[in-house]
Amino acid sequence: MAQQIAQETLDPTPVRLRPHDDRWSGYFQQYRSLIAGALGDRAVLVEHIGSTAVPGLLGRACVDILLAVAEPDAEEDYRAEVEALGFILQQREPDRRIFASARRHAPGTPQCQARLFVCRSGGTWEFDQLLLTHYLGAHEERRQAYADLKRRLAKVHRDDPDGYARAKRYFLRETVRLAHRSFFAPDL
């Protein structure tokens, strides 16, 4: 069970989906540069994940960032630097930490909300997120099905961002399974 750190949801406003915005990639690049500059080689990998990383997929205007480190439990190795960039720790989970950008942007940070998922380098969660993002980008049919689901759920969970996120889990787990099959047995 995840340990909740902050009660404030990243975006307590109604769930609003937007068409893919090419600026999301640029915002990610700005965040990547800041994170890599602050952490140096402690940032084993900084990648853009989630809907905003998939061209053509609608999403909420919040950039999801994967930060792989040697050990997410060793917060002393990265937390102060991440918080200095304006991120606030929201959740501790066994395999990762979740930070959200502050509502008021720190000077020099992109003018776009972001979530930072700190995970173990070489771990299952890292691999699955990267594979999921790639798979959705490469499979139009699955990407469209996800967009349709997101539209339906945004109506049902308009005022419940956490419910919206929970309602997507089955689809995302199934997509990860499909991505694993495609990656490990592409001819089946």
Protein backbone atom coordinates (compact mmCIF):
# COMPACT_ATOMS: atom_id res chain seq x y z
CA MET A 1 0.00 0.00 0.00
CA ALA A 2 1.35 3.40 -0.92
CA GLN A 3 2.14 5.85 1.83
CA GLN A 4 0.40 9.13 1.07
CA ILE A 5 2.61 12.13 1.81
CA ALA A 6 0.44 15.04 0.77
CA GLN A 7 -3.33 15.16 0.68
CA GLU A 8 -3.39 17.64 -2.16
CA THR A 9 -3.99 16.01 -5.52
CA LEU A 10 -1.70 17.15 -8.30
CA ASP A 11 -4.63 18.72 -10.10
CA PRO A 12 -7.79 18.99 -7.99
CA THR A 13 -9.59 20.78 -10.82
CA PRO A 14 -11.92 18.81 -13.07
CA VAL A 15 -10.30 16.27 -15.38
CA ARG A 16 -9.69 18.13 -18.63
CA LEU A 17 -8.18 16.36 -21.58
CA ARG A 18 -6.41 18.27 -24.31
CA PRO A 19 -5.30 17.27 -27.78
CA HIS A 20 -1.63 16.38 -27.96
CA ASP A 21 0.48 19.50 -27.68
CA ASP A 22 3.94 19.50 -29.26
CA ARG A 23 5.10 21.86 -26.48
CA TRP A 24 4.89 18.95 -24.00
CA SER A 25 8.05 17.46 -25.47
CA GLY A 26 9.82 20.80 -25.10
CA TYR A 27 8.68 21.14 -21.48
CA PHE A 28 10.02 17.66 -20.81
CA GLN A 29 13.38 18.57 -22.36
CA GLN A 30 13.59 21.59 -20.06
CA TYR A 31 12.80 19.44 -17.02
CA ARG A 32 15.29 16.79 -18.16
CA SER A 33 18.04 19.38 -18.40
CA LEU A 34 17.26 20.75 -14.93
CA ILE A 35 17.09 17.29 -13.33
CA ALA A 36 20.26 16.03 -15.03
CA GLY A 37 22.06 19.23 -14.10
CA ALA A 38 21.01 18.95 -10.45
CA LEU A 39 21.73 15.24 -10.03
CA GLY A 40 24.58 14.56 -12.43
CA ASP A 41 25.36 10.86 -12.78
CA ARG A 42 22.94 10.00 -9.94
CA ALA A 43 20.24 10.46 -12.60
CA VAL A 44 20.82 7.18 -14.41
CA LEU A 45 17.94 7.86 -16.80
CA VAL A 46 15.49 10.74 -17.27
CA GLU A 47 12.69 9.93 -19.74
CA HIS A 48 9.34 11.31 -20.82
CA ILE A 49 6.53 8.82 -20.11
CA GLY A 50 2.75 8.83 -20.07
CA SER A 51 0.22 10.33 -22.44
CA THR A 52 2.11 13.57 -23.05
CA ALA A 53 5.03 11.50 -24.37
CA VAL A 54 2.92 9.80 -27.05
CA PRO A 55 2.45 11.89 -30.20
CA GLY A 56 -1.18 12.02 -31.22
CA LEU A 57 -2.55 10.99 -27.82
CA LEU A 58 -4.69 13.41 -25.90
CA GLY A 59 -3.86 13.98 -22.25
CA ARG A 60 -3.97 16.22 -19.24
CA ALA A 61 -1.51 19.09 -19.43
CA CYS A 62 0.93 17.49 -16.99
CA VAL A 63 4.26 16.06 -18.12
CA ASP A 64 5.15 12.69 -16.56
CA ILE A 65 8.87 12.15 -16.04
CA LEU A 66 10.65 8.94 -15.14
CA LEU A 67 13.83 9.41 -13.12
CA ALA A 68 15.79 6.19 -12.63
CA VAL A 69 18.25 6.18 -9.74
CA ALA A 70 20.34 3.47 -8.10
CA GLU A 71 17.98 3.18 -5.11
CA PRO A 72 14.73 5.14 -4.70
CA ASP A 73 14.69 4.39 -0.95
CA ALA A 74 17.93 6.36 -0.57
CA GLU A 75 16.11 9.71 -0.72
CA GLU A 76 19.17 11.47 0.68
CA ASP A 77 20.80 10.89 -2.73
CA TYR A 78 18.29 12.97 -4.70
CA ARG A 79 15.38 14.43 -2.69
CA ALA A 80 16.95 17.79 -1.72
CA GLU A 81 17.95 18.48 -5.32
CA VAL A 82 14.54 17.49 -6.68
CA GLU A 83 12.76 19.67 -4.12
CA ALA A 84 15.07 22.57 -4.96
CA LEU A 85 13.68 22.32 -8.51
CA GLY A 86 10.18 22.90 -7.13
CA PHE A 87 8.95 19.31 -6.78
CA ILE A 88 7.02 18.18 -3.70
CA LEU A 89 7.03 14.57 -2.48
CA GLN A 90 3.48 13.18 -2.72
CA GLN A 91 3.79 9.41 -2.30
CA ARG A 92 6.21 6.75 -1.20
CA GLU A 93 5.67 3.36 -2.77
CA PRO A 94 7.85 0.26 -2.39
CA ASP A 95 9.38 0.65 -5.85
CA ARG A 96 9.23 4.41 -6.40
CA ARG A 97 8.63 7.91 -5.13
CA ILE A 98 6.19 10.32 -6.73
CA PHE A 99 6.82 14.05 -6.73
CA ALA A 100 4.63 16.78 -8.21
CA SER A 101 5.72 20.18 -9.39
CA ALA A 102 4.56 23.00 -7.17
CA ARG A 103 1.51 24.94 -8.30
CA ARG A 104 3.65 28.05 -8.50
CA HIS A 105 6.55 27.39 -10.77
CA ALA A 106 10.03 27.92 -9.40
CA PRO A 107 12.09 30.45 -11.34
CA GLY A 108 13.69 28.83 -14.35
CA THR A 109 11.30 25.85 -14.49
CA PRO A 110 8.89 25.14 -17.36
CA GLN A 111 5.44 26.68 -17.20
CA CYS A 112 3.77 23.27 -17.23
CA GLN A 113 2.78 20.98 -14.38
CA ALA A 114 4.84 17.80 -14.05
CA ARG A 115 4.97 14.59 -12.06
CA LEU A 116 8.30 12.99 -11.35
CA PHE A 117 8.40 9.24 -10.78
CA VAL A 118 11.67 8.23 -9.12
CA CYS A 119 12.26 4.51 -9.63
CA ARG A 120 15.04 1.92 -9.45
CA SER A 121 17.32 1.84 -12.46
CA GLY A 122 16.92 -1.49 -14.26
CA GLY A 123 13.75 -2.28 -12.33
CA THR A 124 10.47 -3.69 -13.57
CA TRP A 125 8.53 -0.45 -13.14
CA GLU A 126 11.08 1.46 -15.24
CA PHE A 127 10.99 -1.14 -18.01
CA ASP A 128 7.18 -1.35 -18.05
CA GLN A 129 6.71 2.42 -18.26
CA LEU A 130 9.18 2.80 -21.10
CA LEU A 131 7.69 -0.16 -22.94
CA LEU A 132 4.12 1.13 -22.44
CA THR A 133 4.96 4.58 -23.81
CA HIS A 134 6.75 3.09 -26.82
CA TYR A 135 3.95 0.59 -27.49
CA LEU A 136 1.22 3.23 -27.45
CA GLY A 137 3.30 5.37 -29.79
CA ALA A 138 3.76 2.49 -32.24
CA HIS A 139 0.24 1.01 -32.19
CA GLU A 140 -2.42 3.37 -33.54
CA GLU A 141 -5.30 1.00 -32.75
CA ARG A 142 -4.37 0.69 -29.08
CA ARG A 143 -3.62 4.42 -28.83
CA GLN A 144 -7.08 5.22 -30.22
CA ALA A 145 -8.76 2.77 -27.83
CA TYR A 146 -6.94 4.45 -24.94
CA ALA A 147 -8.02 7.90 -26.14
CA ASP A 148 -11.64 6.72 -26.35
CA LEU A 149 -11.46 5.27 -22.84
CA LYS A 150 -9.91 8.47 -21.48
CA ARG A 151 -12.72 10.57 -22.99
CA ARG A 152 -15.40 8.35 -21.41
CA LEU A 153 -13.67 8.29 -18.03
CA ALA A 154 -13.10 12.05 -18.05
CA LYS A 155 -16.87 12.51 -18.23
CA VAL A 156 -17.61 9.99 -15.47
CA HIS A 157 -14.77 11.14 -13.18
CA ARG A 158 -14.76 14.81 -14.14
CA ASP A 159 -14.39 15.96 -10.53
CA ASP A 160 -12.39 12.97 -9.29
CA PRO A 161 -8.86 12.88 -10.75
CA ASP A 162 -7.87 9.96 -8.52
CA GLY A 163 -10.92 7.95 -9.65
CA TYR A 164 -10.03 8.77 -13.25
CA ALA A 165 -6.52 7.41 -12.73
CA ARG A 166 -7.77 4.24 -10.99
CA ALA A 167 -10.31 3.57 -13.73
CA LYS A 168 -7.55 3.49 -16.38
CA ARG A 169 -5.46 0.86 -14.58
CA TYR A 170 -6.98 -2.27 -16.13
CA PHE A 171 -6.51 -0.94 -19.66
CA LEU A 172 -2.94 0.10 -18.92
CA ARG A 173 -2.06 -3.27 -17.33
CA GLU A 174 -3.48 -5.06 -20.35
CA THR A 175 -1.51 -2.77 -22.66
CA VAL A 176 1.69 -3.56 -20.75
CA ARG A 177 0.95 -7.28 -21.23
CA LEU A 178 0.46 -6.73 -24.96
CA ALA A 179 3.68 -4.71 -25.09
CA HIS A 180 5.59 -7.50 -23.32
CA ARG A 181 4.29 -10.06 -25.80
CA SER A 182 5.21 -7.79 -28.71
CA PHE A 183 8.69 -7.17 -27.30
CA PHE A 184 9.56 -10.70 -26.23
CA ALA A 185 7.72 -12.70 -28.91
CA PRO A 186 7.17 -10.34 -31.85
CA ASP A 187 6.25 -13.13 -34.29
CA LEU A 188 3.45 -14.64 -32.22
